[in-house]
Each structure stands twice: as structure tokens, then as C-alpha cells.
């Protein structure tokens, strides 16, 4: 018996034929990684390493003390000073856009979050820069304040973003993947023979996702309270309403992606295409405002950006549900449009 006639060889050839006969699979396996590499290569070509931001508190637009401190920081390779008022400087620190806040004075005051990697090294480097700018032979006396109050730490900025990311992943993958599995297992074909309307089927996915999302949010909020003492400053009902509307939005996206996907490989590629840009652009780990101004309309239109902004406003700042109306409108639009288009293009087989 030749090797080609052996069962192993025939099974391998069968898998190969399945691959080459699916153009969609070939694109997501070979084409999409190449396109992604090209896009990232264009975005980051010829760019120097990002300088670490140090917030310098200024009392006025022409504060000479702040200007002097900022000049000393800018003279250090790898650091960039950002002059701001006290409240704005504190927000830069909380959101992770600055490693350290320096308040000029005699002595200067350093404020940082010790739980954030690199903050202590940044303090040492900035102190050395200020010493060198004044008198290298004299040790500079400083005041040090560590940020430990809930709502002002970087972890407080991060947790709502992680909650939003989890809700997005659960909505898109939980709904989309379940629908694709039902199609590949021929369950949808059986449903088509019943009096069931496709709208009822799709709506059941969305409503179930709302319930599951509320449970997920409950556990994650409880974890934030127990592990980091991050008690939401706003209404718990407002948080629940935001979670419920976001569940409808991401479930609508999941339905839209899976309405015509014929196999799990194509569905996985489509869902990655939808979720990966939001992971990068929607301010999960750092503020979405860091992106250039020309990108902001696109970033603000993403449902995960709207969800993260609304969650942070309620949990960290105690905002009311009414004040998050713009974000809720974005989420509602994604849910309504996703459901309507999915209902239009959905097919049972």
C-alpha cells in the first residue's frame, strides 16, 4: 500500500480540500493577517518610542515655576512634560496618560500611583533632572504623595474598561458563535420547518444576552469592590441600565456577523474583525482621546467607546443616567440597526 492510499494521507487530503474550497476561510487564514500587518506597519512606521508623560501643575498660563520644571523634564530623554491645572493633572494620572504629577514649589511635590509599573522610576528620574537643573551638588528635598483613594488610581480607570471589554466579547462571541453552531449542526434548518418566526429566534438571543450580561456585570462590580474597594459613585440602577443597553447593542452586532456565516472559521474571522479594532481604539487600557483628532469621530461612534465612557462617568464620577444619553444613543443605534439588518439578511441554512 502506497503512502497516498493510507487512511492518514487521505484524511489529510480531505482536510486540505475543505480548506481550499472555502474562499472565505482562505482570506481569514492568509489574507487578513497580511492586511493587518500592512496596516500596523503603515501606522507605526518611522515613529520614535513614545515619551513617558509627566504632568506639571501650573497655577496660570505663564507660571514661571511650572515652565522651569517642564523644561528640566523635557531635557531628559524619554520624558515629556504636560503642563495642566491641578484637576486636569490629577485626571491625567488617573487615566494613565501621565506616570507622575509634579507640583512646583519649595519643596516640589510628587504625586504618583505606586501600583503602576514605572511610576517609582519616573519619580527618581524627574527628581534627578530637577536636581541637575538647580544644583547637581545639592540633594533636592521633595514631598511625596501616593495615590491610594478609590476613584483616583489607574486601576479605577482600568476596571470599567475591562468590564466593557468583557461585555463586548460576550455579546459578539456568545451570540454569534451560538448562532453559527446552530447552523452548522443543522438545528436552524429544523427550526425553519416550524411556525417559529426568525424575529422571535433572534430576539431570544438578545434578551438572553441581557440577563447574562447583568449577571456578569454584578460579579465584576463585586470583584472591584472586594479587591480594590471601588464602590460605584453613581446609581447602581444607572450601571444596570447601561449594561442592559450595551448587551442589546453587542448582541445585535453578533447577530449581524453570524446571520449568514456558513462555518465556524468564517464566523471567527468576522468576529475578530469586529472586536479587534474596538480592543485597540475604544479606550480599554488608555484613554481613547490619545488618538489623533481626525480619528475621533470614528472612535466615538464605536459601541465599546460609548460603553466605556458611560461606565466610567457613572462609576468613577457619579454621573446620572441622563448625562450619559449621548453614549446610550450610540449603543441603542448599534443594537437597533444590527437587529434590523440581521433580521433582513438572516437565513436558516
Protein backbone atom coordinates (compact mmCIF):
# COMPACT_ATOMS: atom_id res chain seq x y z
CA UNK A 1 0.00 0.00 0.00
CA UNK A 2 1.43 3.35 -1.05
CA UNK A 3 1.50 6.26 1.37
CA UNK A 4 -1.16 8.08 -0.68
CA UNK A 5 -3.59 5.21 -0.12
CA UNK A 6 -3.13 5.15 3.63
CA UNK A 7 -6.00 6.48 5.79
CA UNK A 8 -3.80 9.19 7.31
CA UNK A 9 -2.88 10.60 3.90
CA UNK A 10 -6.49 10.54 2.68
CA UNK A 11 -7.75 12.26 5.82
CA UNK A 12 -5.06 14.93 5.45
CA UNK A 13 -6.04 15.48 1.79
CA UNK A 14 -9.70 15.74 2.79
CA UNK A 15 -8.91 18.50 5.24
CA UNK A 16 -6.85 20.27 2.58
CA UNK A 17 -9.71 20.14 0.06
CA UNK A 18 -12.09 21.56 2.67
CA UNK A 19 -9.73 24.48 3.16
CA UNK A 20 -9.12 25.39 -0.47
CA UNK A 21 -12.81 25.11 -1.36
CA UNK A 22 -13.76 27.83 1.12
CA UNK A 23 -12.57 31.24 -0.22
CA UNK A 24 -13.70 32.95 2.98
CA UNK A 25 -11.55 30.68 5.10
CA UNK A 26 -8.54 31.26 2.85
CA UNK A 27 -8.93 35.01 3.23
CA UNK A 28 -9.11 34.93 7.03
CA UNK A 29 -6.25 32.44 7.33
CA UNK A 30 -3.86 34.11 4.88
CA UNK A 31 -5.21 37.43 3.65
CA UNK A 32 -6.39 39.08 6.84
CA UNK A 33 -3.08 38.69 8.79
CA UNK A 34 -1.22 40.23 5.83
CA UNK A 35 -3.64 43.18 5.64
CA UNK A 36 -3.39 43.66 9.41
CA UNK A 37 0.42 43.62 9.25
CA UNK A 38 0.39 46.19 6.42
CA UNK A 39 -2.00 48.46 8.34
CA UNK A 40 0.04 48.31 11.53
CA UNK A 41 3.25 48.79 9.58
CA UNK A 42 1.87 51.96 7.99
CA UNK A 43 0.52 53.23 11.32
CA UNK A 44 3.78 52.81 13.22
CA UNK A 45 6.44 53.29 10.56
CA UNK A 46 9.28 55.70 11.37
CA UNK A 47 7.83 56.53 14.76
CA UNK A 48 10.16 57.02 17.71
CA UNK A 49 9.37 55.40 21.07
CA UNK A 50 6.62 57.23 22.91
CA UNK A 51 7.90 59.57 25.61
CA UNK A 52 6.59 58.99 29.13
CA UNK A 53 4.29 61.84 30.12
CA UNK A 54 4.87 63.76 33.36
CA UNK A 55 2.10 66.16 34.40
CA UNK A 56 3.31 69.51 35.75
CA UNK A 57 0.80 71.56 37.74
CA UNK A 58 0.63 75.18 36.64
CA UNK A 59 -1.23 77.93 38.50
CA UNK A 60 -1.53 80.18 35.45
CA UNK A 61 -0.77 80.13 31.76
CA UNK A 62 2.55 81.91 32.30
CA UNK A 63 3.59 80.22 35.55
CA UNK A 64 7.42 80.53 35.57
CA UNK A 65 7.89 77.76 38.14
CA UNK A 66 5.89 75.31 36.02
CA UNK A 67 7.80 76.37 32.90
CA UNK A 68 11.13 75.77 34.65
CA UNK A 69 10.12 72.31 35.88
CA UNK A 70 8.71 71.37 32.48
CA UNK A 71 11.92 72.43 30.75
CA UNK A 72 14.01 70.27 33.12
CA UNK A 73 11.78 67.26 32.43
CA UNK A 74 11.81 67.77 28.66
CA UNK A 75 15.60 67.75 28.75
CA UNK A 76 15.56 64.10 29.87
CA UNK A 77 15.42 61.55 27.05
CA UNK A 78 12.23 59.50 27.15
CA UNK A 79 10.17 62.00 29.19
CA UNK A 80 7.76 64.72 28.11
CA UNK A 81 6.17 67.33 30.38
CA UNK A 82 2.47 68.14 30.11
CA UNK A 83 1.52 71.37 31.85
CA UNK A 84 -2.02 71.38 33.26
CA UNK A 85 -4.12 72.75 36.08
CA UNK A 86 -4.33 70.70 39.26
CA UNK A 87 -7.64 68.97 38.42
CA UNK A 88 -6.55 68.18 34.86
CA UNK A 89 -3.20 66.86 36.09
CA UNK A 90 -4.97 64.54 38.54
CA UNK A 91 -7.15 63.23 35.68
CA UNK A 92 -4.05 62.60 33.57
CA UNK A 93 -2.65 60.49 36.39
CA UNK A 94 -5.88 58.56 36.98
CA UNK A 95 -6.42 57.78 33.32
CA UNK A 96 -2.87 56.56 32.84
CA UNK A 97 -1.85 59.36 30.49
CA UNK A 98 0.80 60.50 32.98
CA UNK A 99 3.06 58.47 35.25
CA UNK A 100 3.67 61.25 37.73
CA UNK A 101 2.31 64.63 38.77
CA UNK A 102 4.83 67.30 39.79
CA UNK A 103 3.64 70.37 41.65
CA UNK A 104 6.35 73.08 41.64
CA UNK A 105 7.21 74.63 44.95
CA UNK A 106 9.74 74.72 47.76
CA UNK A 107 9.95 71.79 48.01
CA UNK A 108 8.22 70.35 44.93
CA UNK A 109 5.54 67.72 45.49
CA UNK A 110 5.44 64.43 43.59
CA UNK A 111 2.17 62.51 43.29
CA UNK A 112 2.03 59.05 41.75
CA UNK A 113 0.26 55.69 41.87
CA UNK A 114 2.74 53.17 43.34
CA UNK A 115 0.76 50.25 41.90
CA UNK A 116 1.51 51.38 38.36
CA UNK A 117 4.64 49.96 36.80
CA UNK A 118 7.36 52.53 36.20
CA UNK A 119 5.94 55.27 38.42
CA UNK A 120 8.67 54.98 41.07
CA UNK A 121 11.41 55.01 38.43
CA UNK A 122 9.81 58.06 36.83
CA UNK A 123 9.86 59.85 40.19
CA UNK A 124 13.57 59.11 40.63
CA UNK A 125 14.41 60.28 37.10
CA UNK A 126 12.43 63.52 37.44
CA UNK A 127 13.97 64.27 40.85
CA UNK A 128 17.45 63.80 39.34
CA UNK A 129 16.52 66.12 36.45
CA UNK A 130 15.32 68.84 38.84
CA UNK A 131 18.46 68.46 40.97
CA UNK A 132 20.67 68.81 37.91
CA UNK A 133 18.75 71.89 36.75
CA UNK A 134 19.22 73.58 40.13
CA UNK A 135 22.48 72.43 41.70
CA UNK A 136 23.88 68.97 40.94
CA UNK A 137 25.88 69.02 44.18
CA UNK A 138 22.82 69.56 46.40
CA UNK A 139 20.25 66.92 47.22
CA UNK A 140 16.76 68.17 46.36
CA UNK A 141 14.20 67.89 49.15
CA UNK A 142 10.75 66.82 47.88
CA UNK A 143 7.33 65.95 49.21
CA UNK A 144 5.79 62.67 48.12
CA UNK A 145 2.13 61.76 47.89
CA UNK A 146 0.97 58.32 46.81
CA UNK A 147 -2.47 57.95 45.28
CA UNK A 148 -4.48 55.33 47.15
CA UNK A 149 -8.01 56.77 47.26
CA UNK A 150 -10.55 54.80 45.18
CA UNK A 151 -11.54 56.66 42.03
CA UNK A 152 -8.15 58.31 41.59
CA UNK A 153 -5.98 55.28 40.79
CA UNK A 154 -5.15 53.85 37.40
CA UNK A 155 -6.81 50.57 38.37
CA UNK A 156 -10.05 52.51 38.85
CA UNK A 157 -9.80 53.75 35.28
CA UNK A 158 -8.96 50.25 34.05
CA UNK A 159 -11.73 48.22 35.69
CA UNK A 160 -14.70 49.82 33.85
CA UNK A 161 -12.80 49.34 30.61
CA UNK A 162 -12.29 45.66 31.38
CA UNK A 163 -15.98 45.34 32.22
CA UNK A 164 -16.86 46.92 28.88
CA UNK A 165 -14.44 44.65 27.02
CA UNK A 166 -15.96 41.60 28.68
CA UNK A 167 -19.50 42.68 27.78
CA UNK A 168 -18.47 43.26 24.18
CA UNK A 169 -16.74 39.88 23.86
CA UNK A 170 -19.65 38.06 25.49
CA UNK A 171 -22.19 39.79 23.27
CA UNK A 172 -20.44 39.34 19.93
CA UNK A 173 -18.92 35.91 20.52
CA UNK A 174 -21.60 34.49 22.81
CA UNK A 175 -24.44 35.32 20.42
CA UNK A 176 -22.64 34.98 17.10
CA UNK A 177 -20.89 31.72 17.91
CA UNK A 178 -24.07 30.11 19.26
CA UNK A 179 -25.98 31.02 16.09
CA UNK A 180 -23.25 29.68 13.82
CA UNK A 181 -23.10 26.40 15.75
CA UNK A 182 -26.85 26.00 15.37
CA UNK A 183 -26.48 26.49 11.62
CA UNK A 184 -23.56 24.06 11.23
CA UNK A 185 -25.39 21.44 13.29
CA UNK A 186 -28.50 21.80 11.08
CA UNK A 187 -30.63 22.96 14.02
CA UNK A 188 -31.72 26.12 12.23
CA UNK A 189 -32.90 24.03 9.30
CA UNK A 190 -35.19 22.14 11.66
CA UNK A 191 -36.49 25.36 13.17
CA UNK A 192 -37.34 26.59 9.69
CA UNK A 193 -39.89 23.79 9.41
CA UNK A 194 -41.77 25.06 12.47
CA UNK A 195 -44.15 28.04 12.76
CA UNK A 196 -41.36 29.96 14.51
CA UNK A 197 -40.60 33.40 13.10
CA UNK A 198 -36.96 34.29 12.63
CA UNK A 199 -37.54 37.54 14.51
CA UNK A 200 -38.51 35.53 17.60
CA UNK A 201 -35.35 33.46 17.31
CA UNK A 202 -33.05 36.47 17.00
CA UNK A 203 -34.83 38.40 19.74
CA UNK A 204 -34.46 35.45 22.11
CA UNK A 205 -30.68 35.65 21.69
CA UNK A 206 -30.71 39.37 22.53
CA UNK A 207 -32.93 39.06 25.60
CA UNK A 208 -30.93 36.13 26.95
CA UNK A 209 -27.76 38.16 26.49
CA UNK A 210 -29.22 40.99 28.56
CA UNK A 211 -29.79 38.63 31.50
CA UNK A 212 -26.32 37.07 31.23
CA UNK A 213 -24.66 40.49 30.91
CA UNK A 214 -26.34 41.75 34.08
CA UNK A 215 -25.06 38.70 35.96
CA UNK A 216 -21.54 39.17 34.54
CA UNK A 217 -21.56 42.84 35.49
CA UNK A 218 -22.73 42.01 39.00
CA UNK A 219 -19.77 39.71 39.57
CA UNK A 220 -17.24 42.13 38.06
CA UNK A 221 -18.54 45.11 40.05
CA UNK A 222 -18.47 42.97 43.20
CA UNK A 223 -14.90 41.97 42.41
CA UNK A 224 -13.91 45.63 42.07
CA UNK A 225 -15.48 46.39 45.44
CA UNK A 226 -13.88 43.45 47.24
CA UNK A 227 -10.45 43.56 45.62
CA UNK A 228 -9.92 47.30 45.14
CA UNK A 229 -12.62 49.00 47.26
CA UNK A 230 -14.00 50.57 44.09
CA UNK A 231 -17.57 51.38 45.08
CA UNK A 232 -19.56 52.93 42.20
CA UNK A 233 -20.19 56.58 42.99
CA UNK A 234 -23.27 56.72 40.78
CA UNK A 235 -26.54 54.83 40.84
CA UNK A 236 -26.46 51.06 40.62
CA UNK A 237 -29.62 51.26 38.53
CA UNK A 238 -27.79 53.52 36.09
CA UNK A 239 -24.99 50.95 35.81
CA UNK A 240 -27.58 48.20 35.23
CA UNK A 241 -29.34 50.26 32.54
CA UNK A 242 -26.06 50.92 30.72
CA UNK A 243 -25.15 47.22 30.87
CA UNK A 244 -28.58 46.18 29.57
CA UNK A 245 -28.48 48.58 26.61
CA UNK A 246 -24.91 47.57 25.80
CA UNK A 247 -25.94 43.90 25.85
CA UNK A 248 -28.58 44.64 23.23
CA UNK A 249 -26.02 46.57 21.16
CA UNK A 250 -23.36 43.86 21.12
CA UNK A 251 -25.92 41.09 20.69
CA UNK A 252 -27.17 42.95 17.62
CA UNK A 253 -23.62 43.07 16.27
CA UNK A 254 -23.19 39.36 16.99
CA UNK A 255 -26.40 38.51 15.16
CA UNK A 256 -25.38 40.64 12.20
CA UNK A 257 -21.99 38.92 11.93
CA UNK A 258 -23.45 35.41 12.19
CA UNK A 259 -26.59 35.85 10.09
CA UNK A 260 -25.01 34.32 7.00
CA UNK A 261 -21.77 32.76 8.21
CA UNK A 262 -21.66 29.18 6.93
CA UNK A 263 -18.91 27.77 9.14
CA UNK A 264 -17.05 28.45 12.34
CA UNK A 265 -13.84 29.56 10.61
CA UNK A 266 -15.51 32.34 8.64
CA UNK A 267 -17.55 33.40 11.67
CA UNK A 268 -14.45 33.57 13.86
CA UNK A 269 -12.70 35.75 11.30
CA UNK A 270 -15.64 38.14 11.07
CA UNK A 271 -15.99 38.39 14.83
CA UNK A 272 -12.28 39.10 15.20
CA UNK A 273 -12.57 41.75 12.50
CA UNK A 274 -15.34 43.42 14.53
CA UNK A 275 -13.85 43.13 18.01
CA UNK A 276 -10.11 43.70 17.49
CA UNK A 277 -10.42 47.34 16.34
CA UNK A 278 -12.52 48.12 19.42
CA UNK A 279 -9.94 46.48 21.69
CA UNK A 280 -7.38 48.92 20.29
CA UNK A 281 -9.43 52.09 19.76
CA UNK A 282 -12.12 52.20 22.44
CA UNK A 283 -10.10 53.20 25.48
CA UNK A 284 -9.94 49.93 27.40
CA UNK A 285 -6.39 50.32 28.69
CA UNK A 286 -5.76 54.00 27.91
CA UNK A 287 -7.98 56.95 27.00
CA UNK A 288 -9.45 56.94 23.51
CA UNK A 289 -8.61 60.66 23.38
CA UNK A 290 -4.97 59.71 22.79
CA UNK A 291 -5.76 59.05 19.14
CA UNK A 292 -5.45 61.87 16.58
CA UNK A 293 -8.31 64.30 16.15
CA UNK A 294 -9.15 63.03 12.67
CA UNK A 295 -9.85 59.59 14.15
CA UNK A 296 -12.10 60.78 16.95
CA UNK A 297 -15.42 60.68 15.01
CA UNK A 298 -14.79 57.01 14.20
CA UNK A 299 -13.62 56.21 17.74
CA UNK A 300 -16.62 57.92 19.33
CA UNK A 301 -19.01 56.05 17.04
CA UNK A 302 -17.81 52.64 18.25
CA UNK A 303 -20.15 50.96 20.75
CA UNK A 304 -17.35 49.93 23.11
CA UNK A 305 -16.14 53.54 23.33
CA UNK A 306 -19.65 54.67 24.26
CA UNK A 307 -19.95 51.89 26.85
CA UNK A 308 -16.59 52.62 28.46
CA UNK A 309 -17.29 56.36 28.62
CA UNK A 310 -20.71 55.80 30.19
CA UNK A 311 -19.44 53.27 32.75
CA UNK A 312 -16.55 55.50 33.82
CA UNK A 313 -18.82 58.52 34.10
CA UNK A 314 -21.24 56.71 36.43
CA UNK A 315 -18.81 54.52 38.39
CA UNK A 316 -15.94 56.99 38.82
CA UNK A 317 -17.58 60.42 38.63
CA UNK A 318 -21.07 59.69 39.95
CA UNK A 319 -22.78 60.94 36.80
CA UNK A 320 -26.51 60.46 36.36
CA UNK A 321 -28.04 58.18 33.75
CA UNK A 322 -29.46 61.23 31.93
CA UNK A 323 -25.96 62.65 31.45
CA UNK A 324 -24.93 59.51 29.56
CA UNK A 325 -27.70 59.99 26.97
CA UNK A 326 -25.25 60.51 24.04
CA UNK A 327 -23.47 57.24 24.84
CA UNK A 328 -26.78 55.42 25.33
CA UNK A 329 -27.95 56.72 21.95
CA UNK A 330 -24.85 55.28 20.25
CA UNK A 331 -25.40 51.90 21.94
CA UNK A 332 -29.10 51.90 21.12
CA UNK A 333 -28.41 52.70 17.47
CA UNK A 334 -25.95 49.81 17.16
CA UNK A 335 -28.44 47.40 18.73
CA UNK A 336 -31.40 48.54 16.61
CA UNK A 337 -29.50 48.66 13.31
CA UNK A 338 -27.73 45.36 14.00
CA UNK A 339 -31.00 43.58 14.77
CA UNK A 340 -32.84 45.11 11.80
CA UNK A 341 -30.13 44.24 9.27
CA UNK A 342 -29.63 40.77 10.76
CA UNK A 343 -33.35 40.12 10.51
CA UNK A 344 -33.27 41.22 6.88
CA UNK A 345 -30.34 39.09 5.73
CA UNK A 346 -30.74 36.11 8.06
CA UNK A 347 -31.16 32.70 6.51
CA UNK A 348 -31.85 29.36 8.11
CA UNK A 349 -29.32 27.33 6.15
